[in-house]
Amino acid sequence: SGINAEYGYEAREEYGKAAGHLSAIPLENSHRNYSKEYTTEMYLRIAHLFLRACDSQQAELFLNRATLLMGPGTQPRLTVQYNLCYAKVLDFRKKFMDAAKRYLELSLEPLLSSEKQTDLLRNAILCAIIAPAGLQRSRILSSLCKDERSQHFLFSEMLNNTQLGHLISHEQVSLFEKELEEHQLERLPNEMSILETAVMEHNVLAISHIYMSIRLDNLAYLLRVNQAQAERVVGKMITEERITGHI
């Protein structure tokens, strides 16, 4: 059957094939008359497997199907499973701020093991640090730093420096970069990686608290980028009202 085949694929870490087999089962238009709870659980299982296969689009499709079946009477464990999948979808969609908030909430979920909670807290920190610099990010970074569990990670120094608004060093970035997943390392249209852009935006904010005014060539030197990149990033941040100023 599709379910038995799914376990075989999953054991071999062929998550896409496992999800494909399960998604072929007609759960809602079947003579088997599956319960709403079972159907919801299966949709969430399929979404989880697609996420393991790094196929967030298919995962979101099945997550949306599960949503239509969920309501006030849904079992808490299924709601937690849904929230886990949804946080990961946000992460894949590069909505890092929203993903960080979800991960942080889930890291305090009593239905999850302490090991899973720690893993989710780690995800929250990673997403918060690579999220666009600004007030929202500062708030979540503050919450993460107040959580004593955060200090046990290798990259806690970078978290603390980010929250305090200190300049982030190249060495800290190199250490942190090793923790990121493939989709979090992608390059943006500005030819910089997500992390490089996040760190540069953070350092622009840090510098803006030190200098009332600074020449563009001096700013580029401090940021370790060329003038065109510095001007582009600062211009974007001013337009988005994440910093005040003019070029």
C-alpha atoms as a PDB file:
ATOM      1  CA  SER A   1       0.000   0.000   0.000  1.00  0.00           C
ATOM      2  CA  GLY A   2       0.982   3.683  -0.277  1.00  0.00           C
ATOM      3  CA  ILE A   3       1.526   3.956   3.488  1.00  0.00           C
ATOM      4  CA  ASN A   4       3.867   0.947   3.673  1.00  0.00           C
ATOM      5  CA  ALA A   5       5.833   2.230   0.687  1.00  0.00           C
ATOM      6  CA  GLU A   6       6.071   5.622   2.393  1.00  0.00           C
ATOM      7  CA  TYR A   7       7.801   4.110   5.430  1.00  0.00           C
ATOM      8  CA  GLY A   8      10.311   2.372   3.143  1.00  0.00           C
ATOM      9  CA  TYR A   9      11.096   5.594   1.309  1.00  0.00           C
ATOM     10  CA  GLU A  10      11.359   7.540   4.546  1.00  0.00           C
ATOM     11  CA  ALA A  11      13.766   4.973   6.017  1.00  0.00           C
ATOM     12  CA  ARG A  12      15.998   5.611   2.981  1.00  0.00           C
ATOM     13  CA  GLU A  13      15.527   9.377   3.416  1.00  0.00           C
ATOM     14  CA  GLU A  14      13.683   9.625   0.080  1.00  0.00           C
ATOM     15  CA  TYR A  15      11.211  12.116   1.521  1.00  0.00           C
ATOM     16  CA  GLY A  16       9.876  13.415  -1.805  1.00  0.00           C
ATOM     17  CA  LYS A  17       8.946   9.901  -2.939  1.00  0.00           C
ATOM     18  CA  ALA A  18       7.382   9.150   0.460  1.00  0.00           C
ATOM     19  CA  ALA A  19       5.269  12.304   0.223  1.00  0.00           C
ATOM     20  CA  GLY A  20       4.328  11.470  -3.374  1.00  0.00           C
ATOM     21  CA  HIS A  21       3.092   8.011  -2.396  1.00  0.00           C
ATOM     22  CA  LEU A  22       0.973   9.329   0.473  1.00  0.00           C
ATOM     23  CA  SER A  23      -0.443  12.189  -1.585  1.00  0.00           C
ATOM     24  CA  ALA A  24      -1.744   9.661  -4.146  1.00  0.00           C
ATOM     25  CA  ILE A  25      -4.157   8.246  -1.538  1.00  0.00           C
ATOM     26  CA  PRO A  26      -7.675   9.719  -2.132  1.00  0.00           C
ATOM     27  CA  LEU A  27      -8.342  10.818   1.431  1.00  0.00           C
ATOM     28  CA  GLU A  28     -11.442  12.979   0.965  1.00  0.00           C
ATOM     29  CA  ASN A  29     -13.168  11.348  -2.008  1.00  0.00           C
ATOM     30  CA  SER A  30     -12.896   7.710  -1.060  1.00  0.00           C
ATOM     31  CA  HIS A  31     -15.245   4.813  -0.275  1.00  0.00           C
ATOM     32  CA  ARG A  32     -13.047   4.205   2.793  1.00  0.00           C
ATOM     33  CA  ASN A  33     -14.643   7.250   4.472  1.00  0.00           C
ATOM     34  CA  TYR A  34     -11.618   8.360   6.487  1.00  0.00           C
ATOM     35  CA  SER A  35     -12.295  10.463   9.603  1.00  0.00           C
ATOM     36  CA  LYS A  36     -11.609  14.202   9.550  1.00  0.00           C
ATOM     37  CA  GLU A  37      -8.900  13.723  12.200  1.00  0.00           C
ATOM     38  CA  TYR A  38      -7.133  10.988  10.210  1.00  0.00           C
ATOM     39  CA  THR A  39      -7.319  13.020   6.989  1.00  0.00           C
ATOM     40  CA  THR A  40      -5.929  16.105   8.755  1.00  0.00           C
ATOM     41  CA  GLU A  41      -3.114  14.039  10.256  1.00  0.00           C
ATOM     42  CA  MET A  42      -2.240  12.572   6.845  1.00  0.00           C
ATOM     43  CA  TYR A  43      -2.195  15.993   5.157  1.00  0.00           C
ATOM     44  CA  LEU A  44       0.136  17.276   7.872  1.00  0.00           C
ATOM     45  CA  ARG A  45       2.307  14.170   7.477  1.00  0.00           C
ATOM     46  CA  ILE A  46       2.552  14.765   3.705  1.00  0.00           C
ATOM     47  CA  ALA A  47       3.375  18.457   4.270  1.00  0.00           C
ATOM     48  CA  HIS A  48       6.104  17.468   6.747  1.00  0.00           C
ATOM     49  CA  LEU A  49       7.635  15.014   4.261  1.00  0.00           C
ATOM     50  CA  PHE A  50       7.613  17.573   1.455  1.00  0.00           C
ATOM     51  CA  LEU A  51       9.398  19.987   3.789  1.00  0.00           C
ATOM     52  CA  ARG A  52      12.009  17.319   4.527  1.00  0.00           C
ATOM     53  CA  ALA A  53      12.428  17.074   0.743  1.00  0.00           C
ATOM     54  CA  CYS A  54      12.824  20.912   0.593  1.00  0.00           C
ATOM     55  CA  ASP A  55       9.680  21.245  -1.546  1.00  0.00           C
ATOM     56  CA  SER A  56       7.924  24.047   0.320  1.00  0.00           C
ATOM     57  CA  GLN A  57       5.383  24.727  -2.454  1.00  0.00           C
ATOM     58  CA  GLN A  58       3.918  21.219  -2.293  1.00  0.00           C
ATOM     59  CA  ALA A  59       4.125  21.320   1.516  1.00  0.00           C
ATOM     60  CA  GLU A  60       2.089  24.532   1.578  1.00  0.00           C
ATOM     61  CA  LEU A  61      -0.533  22.993  -0.697  1.00  0.00           C
ATOM     62  CA  PHE A  62      -1.182  20.133   1.761  1.00  0.00           C
ATOM     63  CA  LEU A  63      -0.927  22.461   4.736  1.00  0.00           C
ATOM     64  CA  ASN A  64      -3.750  24.517   3.221  1.00  0.00           C
ATOM     65  CA  ARG A  65      -5.830  21.360   2.793  1.00  0.00           C
ATOM     66  CA  ALA A  66      -5.287  20.524   6.465  1.00  0.00           C
ATOM     67  CA  THR A  67      -6.310  24.070   7.463  1.00  0.00           C
ATOM     68  CA  LEU A  68      -9.770  23.589   5.890  1.00  0.00           C
ATOM     69  CA  LEU A  69     -10.378  20.588   8.167  1.00  0.00           C
ATOM     70  CA  MET A  70      -9.113  22.169  11.382  1.00  0.00           C
ATOM     71  CA  GLY A  71     -11.176  24.089  13.933  1.00  0.00           C
ATOM     72  CA  PRO A  72     -11.824  24.571  17.667  1.00  0.00           C
ATOM     73  CA  GLY A  73     -12.236  20.797  18.155  1.00  0.00           C
ATOM     74  CA  THR A  74      -8.885  19.864  16.579  1.00  0.00           C
ATOM     75  CA  GLN A  75      -6.593  17.851  18.827  1.00  0.00           C
ATOM     76  CA  PRO A  76      -3.767  19.964  20.352  1.00  0.00           C
ATOM     77  CA  ARG A  77      -1.080  17.632  18.955  1.00  0.00           C
ATOM     78  CA  LEU A  78      -2.370  18.240  15.402  1.00  0.00           C
ATOM     79  CA  THR A  79      -2.410  21.997  15.981  1.00  0.00           C
ATOM     80  CA  VAL A  80       1.228  21.767  17.105  1.00  0.00           C
ATOM     81  CA  GLN A  81       2.102  19.708  13.997  1.00  0.00           C
ATOM     82  CA  TYR A  82       0.410  22.323  11.826  1.00  0.00           C
ATOM     83  CA  ASN A  83       2.315  25.158  13.537  1.00  0.00           C
ATOM     84  CA  LEU A  84       5.623  23.297  13.093  1.00  0.00           C
ATOM     85  CA  CYS A  85       5.001  22.896   9.360  1.00  0.00           C
ATOM     86  CA  TYR A  86       3.783  26.465   8.966  1.00  0.00           C
ATOM     87  CA  ALA A  87       6.887  27.894  10.681  1.00  0.00           C
ATOM     88  CA  LYS A  88       9.091  25.899   8.310  1.00  0.00           C
ATOM     89  CA  VAL A  89       7.104  27.066   5.263  1.00  0.00           C
ATOM     90  CA  LEU A  90       7.612  30.692   6.363  1.00  0.00           C
ATOM     91  CA  ASP A  91      11.322  29.928   6.749  1.00  0.00           C
ATOM     92  CA  PHE A  92      11.502  28.495   3.192  1.00  0.00           C
ATOM     93  CA  ARG A  93       9.575  31.507   1.869  1.00  0.00           C
ATOM     94  CA  LYS A  94      12.278  33.700   3.459  1.00  0.00           C
ATOM     95  CA  LYS A  95       9.762  35.367   5.769  1.00  0.00           C
ATOM     96  CA  PHE A  96      12.415  35.057   8.448  1.00  0.00           C
ATOM     97  CA  MET A  97      10.859  37.469  10.952  1.00  0.00           C
ATOM     98  CA  ASP A  98       7.530  35.621  10.991  1.00  0.00           C
ATOM     99  CA  ALA A  99       9.307  32.253  11.078  1.00  0.00           C
ATOM    100  CA  ALA A 100      11.462  33.360  14.033  1.00  0.00           C
ATOM    101  CA  LYS A 101       8.355  34.363  16.027  1.00  0.00           C
ATOM    102  CA  ARG A 102       6.675  31.017  15.319  1.00  0.00           C
ATOM    103  CA  TYR A 103       9.801  29.032  16.174  1.00  0.00           C
ATOM    104  CA  LEU A 104      10.225  30.920  19.449  1.00  0.00           C
ATOM    105  CA  GLU A 105       6.594  30.273  20.457  1.00  0.00           C
ATOM    106  CA  LEU A 106       6.964  26.577  19.584  1.00  0.00           C
ATOM    107  CA  SER A 107      10.225  26.311  21.576  1.00  0.00           C
ATOM    108  CA  LEU A 108       8.042  26.788  24.692  1.00  0.00           C
ATOM    109  CA  GLU A 109       5.385  24.243  23.626  1.00  0.00           C
ATOM    110  CA  PRO A 110       4.968  21.683  26.476  1.00  0.00           C
ATOM    111  CA  LEU A 111       3.734  18.971  24.073  1.00  0.00           C
ATOM    112  CA  LEU A 112       7.194  18.862  22.452  1.00  0.00           C
ATOM    113  CA  SER A 113      10.316  17.190  23.850  1.00  0.00           C
ATOM    114  CA  SER A 114      13.045  19.393  25.351  1.00  0.00           C
ATOM    115  CA  GLU A 115      15.323  18.304  22.487  1.00  0.00           C
ATOM    116  CA  LYS A 116      12.773  19.500  19.915  1.00  0.00           C
ATOM    117  CA  GLN A 117      12.236  22.736  21.868  1.00  0.00           C
ATOM    118  CA  THR A 118      15.997  23.420  21.786  1.00  0.00           C
ATOM    119  CA  ASP A 119      16.108  22.751  18.050  1.00  0.00           C
ATOM    120  CA  LEU A 120      13.233  25.193  17.498  1.00  0.00           C
ATOM    121  CA  LEU A 121      14.951  27.854  19.617  1.00  0.00           C
ATOM    122  CA  ARG A 122      18.048  27.416  17.449  1.00  0.00           C
ATOM    123  CA  ASN A 123      15.880  27.909  14.335  1.00  0.00           C
ATOM    124  CA  ALA A 124      14.370  31.043  15.900  1.00  0.00           C
ATOM    125  CA  ILE A 125      17.829  32.538  16.488  1.00  0.00           C
ATOM    126  CA  LEU A 126      19.044  31.712  12.961  1.00  0.00           C
ATOM    127  CA  CYS A 127      15.949  33.290  11.371  1.00  0.00           C
ATOM    128  CA  ALA A 128      16.015  36.357  13.636  1.00  0.00           C
ATOM    129  CA  ILE A 129      19.650  37.116  12.811  1.00  0.00           C
ATOM    130  CA  ILE A 130      19.140  36.880   9.030  1.00  0.00           C
ATOM    131  CA  ALA A 131      15.836  38.816   9.145  1.00  0.00           C
ATOM    132  CA  PRO A 132      15.812  42.445   7.892  1.00  0.00           C
ATOM    133  CA  ALA A 133      17.298  44.830  10.464  1.00  0.00           C
ATOM    134  CA  GLY A 134      14.801  47.106  12.214  1.00  0.00           C
ATOM    135  CA  LEU A 135      12.554  47.542  15.251  1.00  0.00           C
ATOM    136  CA  GLN A 136      10.646  44.248  14.839  1.00  0.00           C
ATOM    137  CA  ARG A 137      13.879  42.305  14.659  1.00  0.00           C
ATOM    138  CA  SER A 138      15.254  44.123  17.717  1.00  0.00           C
ATOM    139  CA  ARG A 139      12.211  43.045  19.738  1.00  0.00           C
ATOM    140  CA  ILE A 140      12.533  39.370  18.915  1.00  0.00           C
ATOM    141  CA  LEU A 141      16.315  39.445  19.438  1.00  0.00           C
ATOM    142  CA  SER A 142      15.680  40.909  22.887  1.00  0.00           C
ATOM    143  CA  SER A 143      13.262  38.052  23.706  1.00  0.00           C
ATOM    144  CA  LEU A 144      15.799  35.481  22.489  1.00  0.00           C
ATOM    145  CA  CYS A 145      18.634  36.965  24.557  1.00  0.00           C
ATOM    146  CA  LYS A 146      16.467  36.953  27.694  1.00  0.00           C
ATOM    147  CA  ASP A 147      15.911  33.213  27.201  1.00  0.00           C
ATOM    148  CA  GLU A 148      18.794  31.615  29.126  1.00  0.00           C
ATOM    149  CA  ARG A 149      18.702  28.577  26.813  1.00  0.00           C
ATOM    150  CA  SER A 150      20.060  30.798  24.016  1.00  0.00           C
ATOM    151  CA  GLN A 151      23.449  31.154  25.697  1.00  0.00           C
ATOM    152  CA  HIS A 152      24.295  27.468  25.159  1.00  0.00           C
ATOM    153  CA  PHE A 153      24.693  27.797  21.385  1.00  0.00           C
ATOM    154  CA  LEU A 154      28.085  28.287  19.713  1.00  0.00           C
ATOM    155  CA  PHE A 155      26.784  31.419  17.994  1.00  0.00           C
ATOM    156  CA  SER A 156      25.464  33.040  21.221  1.00  0.00           C
ATOM    157  CA  GLU A 157      28.124  35.766  20.969  1.00  0.00           C
ATOM    158  CA  MET A 158      26.788  36.811  17.579  1.00  0.00           C
ATOM    159  CA  LEU A 159      23.231  36.790  18.966  1.00  0.00           C
ATOM    160  CA  ASN A 160      24.253  39.013  21.894  1.00  0.00           C
ATOM    161  CA  ASN A 161      26.227  41.422  19.697  1.00  0.00           C
ATOM    162  CA  THR A 162      23.339  41.629  17.229  1.00  0.00           C
ATOM    163  CA  GLN A 163      20.868  42.404  20.004  1.00  0.00           C
ATOM    164  CA  LEU A 164      23.179  45.019  21.572  1.00  0.00           C
ATOM    165  CA  GLY A 165      23.649  46.748  18.228  1.00  0.00           C
ATOM    166  CA  HIS A 166      27.408  46.113  18.119  1.00  0.00           C
ATOM    167  CA  LEU A 167      29.265  45.748  14.844  1.00  0.00           C
ATOM    168  CA  ILE A 168      29.381  42.123  13.678  1.00  0.00           C
ATOM    169  CA  SER A 169      32.839  40.852  12.765  1.00  0.00           C
ATOM    170  CA  HIS A 170      33.784  38.749   9.729  1.00  0.00           C
ATOM    171  CA  GLU A 171      34.883  35.931  12.085  1.00  0.00           C
ATOM    172  CA  GLN A 172      31.472  35.803  13.776  1.00  0.00           C
ATOM    173  CA  VAL A 173      29.769  35.698  10.373  1.00  0.00           C
ATOM    174  CA  SER A 174      31.965  32.790   9.223  1.00  0.00           C
ATOM    175  CA  LEU A 175      31.110  30.754  12.325  1.00  0.00           C
ATOM    176  CA  PHE A 176      27.407  31.535  12.050  1.00  0.00           C
ATOM    177  CA  GLU A 177      27.238  30.782   8.309  1.00  0.00           C
ATOM    178  CA  LYS A 178      28.065  27.112   8.963  1.00  0.00           C
ATOM    179  CA  GLU A 179      24.789  26.755  10.888  1.00  0.00           C
ATOM    180  CA  LEU A 180      22.523  27.889   8.060  1.00  0.00           C
ATOM    181  CA  GLU A 181      20.467  25.683   5.741  1.00  0.00           C
ATOM    182  CA  GLU A 182      20.792  25.757   1.963  1.00  0.00           C
ATOM    183  CA  HIS A 183      17.778  28.002   1.311  1.00  0.00           C
ATOM    184  CA  GLN A 184      19.094  30.468   3.919  1.00  0.00           C
ATOM    185  CA  LEU A 185      22.396  30.790   2.045  1.00  0.00           C
ATOM    186  CA  GLU A 186      20.910  31.853  -1.293  1.00  0.00           C
ATOM    187  CA  ARG A 187      22.187  34.935  -3.082  1.00  0.00           C
ATOM    188  CA  LEU A 188      19.893  37.917  -3.546  1.00  0.00           C
ATOM    189  CA  PRO A 189      19.515  40.182  -6.629  1.00  0.00           C
ATOM    190  CA  ASN A 190      22.105  42.521  -5.018  1.00  0.00           C
ATOM    191  CA  GLU A 191      24.670  39.701  -5.553  1.00  0.00           C
ATOM    192  CA  MET A 192      25.096  39.273  -1.803  1.00  0.00           C
ATOM    193  CA  SER A 193      23.897  36.343   0.294  1.00  0.00           C
ATOM    194  CA  ILE A 194      20.927  36.671   2.669  1.00  0.00           C
ATOM    195  CA  LEU A 195      23.349  36.593   5.609  1.00  0.00           C
ATOM    196  CA  GLU A 196      25.742  39.156   4.092  1.00  0.00           C
ATOM    197  CA  THR A 197      22.817  41.508   3.448  1.00  0.00           C
ATOM    198  CA  ALA A 198      21.395  41.033   6.966  1.00  0.00           C
ATOM    199  CA  VAL A 199      24.797  41.661   8.581  1.00  0.00           C
ATOM    200  CA  MET A 200      25.437  44.701   6.402  1.00  0.00           C
ATOM    201  CA  GLU A 201      22.024  46.173   7.271  1.00  0.00           C
ATOM    202  CA  HIS A 202      22.701  45.481  10.950  1.00  0.00           C
ATOM    203  CA  ASN A 203      26.111  47.157  10.747  1.00  0.00           C
ATOM    204  CA  VAL A 204      24.551  50.186   8.989  1.00  0.00           C
ATOM    205  CA  LEU A 205      22.193  50.524  11.970  1.00  0.00           C
ATOM    206  CA  ALA A 206      25.095  50.109  14.412  1.00  0.00           C
ATOM    207  CA  ILE A 207      27.135  52.777  12.593  1.00  0.00           C
ATOM    208  CA  SER A 208      24.116  55.136  12.486  1.00  0.00           C
ATOM    209  CA  HIS A 209      24.101  55.100  16.305  1.00  0.00           C
ATOM    210  CA  ILE A 210      27.783  56.153  16.382  1.00  0.00           C
ATOM    211  CA  TYR A 211      27.914  58.736  13.575  1.00  0.00           C
ATOM    212  CA  MET A 212      25.482  61.596  12.986  1.00  0.00           C
ATOM    213  CA  SER A 213      26.932  61.895   9.479  1.00  0.00           C
ATOM    214  CA  ILE A 214      29.415  59.819   7.482  1.00  0.00           C
ATOM    215  CA  ARG A 215      30.879  59.958   3.971  1.00  0.00           C
ATOM    216  CA  LEU A 216      29.777  57.126   1.679  1.00  0.00           C
ATOM    217  CA  ASP A 217      33.363  55.985   1.023  1.00  0.00           C
ATOM    218  CA  ASN A 218      34.035  55.785   4.779  1.00  0.00           C
ATOM    219  CA  LEU A 219      30.798  53.858   5.329  1.00  0.00           C
ATOM    220  CA  ALA A 220      31.714  51.402   2.568  1.00  0.00           C
ATOM    221  CA  TYR A 221      35.144  50.919   4.184  1.00  0.00           C
ATOM    222  CA  LEU A 222      33.598  50.131   7.588  1.00  0.00           C
ATOM    223  CA  LEU A 223      31.113  47.740   5.970  1.00  0.00           C
ATOM    224  CA  ARG A 224      33.864  46.081   3.896  1.00  0.00           C
ATOM    225  CA  VAL A 225      31.907  46.518   0.646  1.00  0.00           C
ATOM    226  CA  ASN A 226      32.171  48.821  -2.380  1.00  0.00           C
ATOM    227  CA  GLN A 227      30.444  52.218  -2.453  1.00  0.00           C
ATOM    228  CA  ALA A 228      27.711  51.093  -4.866  1.00  0.00           C
ATOM    229  CA  GLN A 229      26.655  48.230  -2.543  1.00  0.00           C
ATOM    230  CA  ALA A 230      26.710  50.502   0.503  1.00  0.00           C
ATOM    231  CA  GLU A 231      24.602  53.141  -1.275  1.00  0.00           C
ATOM    232  CA  ARG A 232      22.086  50.537  -2.486  1.00  0.00           C
ATOM    233  CA  VAL A 233      21.567  49.004   0.965  1.00  0.00           C
ATOM    234  CA  VAL A 234      21.345  52.347   2.790  1.00  0.00           C
ATOM    235  CA  GLY A 235      18.933  53.694   0.166  1.00  0.00           C
ATOM    236  CA  LYS A 236      16.671  50.642   0.570  1.00  0.00           C
ATOM    237  CA  MET A 237      16.677  50.954   4.368  1.00  0.00           C
ATOM    238  CA  ILE A 238      15.796  54.673   4.183  1.00  0.00           C
ATOM    239  CA  THR A 239      12.968  53.964   1.688  1.00  0.00           C
ATOM    240  CA  GLU A 240      11.581  51.235   3.977  1.00  0.00           C
ATOM    241  CA  GLU A 241      11.859  53.648   6.954  1.00  0.00           C
ATOM    242  CA  ARG A 242      14.108  51.298   8.880  1.00  0.00           C
ATOM    243  CA  ILE A 243      16.586  54.157   9.300  1.00  0.00           C
ATOM    244  CA  THR A 244      16.184  57.916   8.918  1.00  0.00           C
ATOM    245  CA  GLY A 245      18.564  59.923   6.805  1.00  0.00           C
ATOM    246  CA  HIS A 246      19.516  60.881   3.275  1.00  0.00           C
ATOM    247  CA  ILE A 247      22.363  60.097   0.881  1.00  0.00           C
END
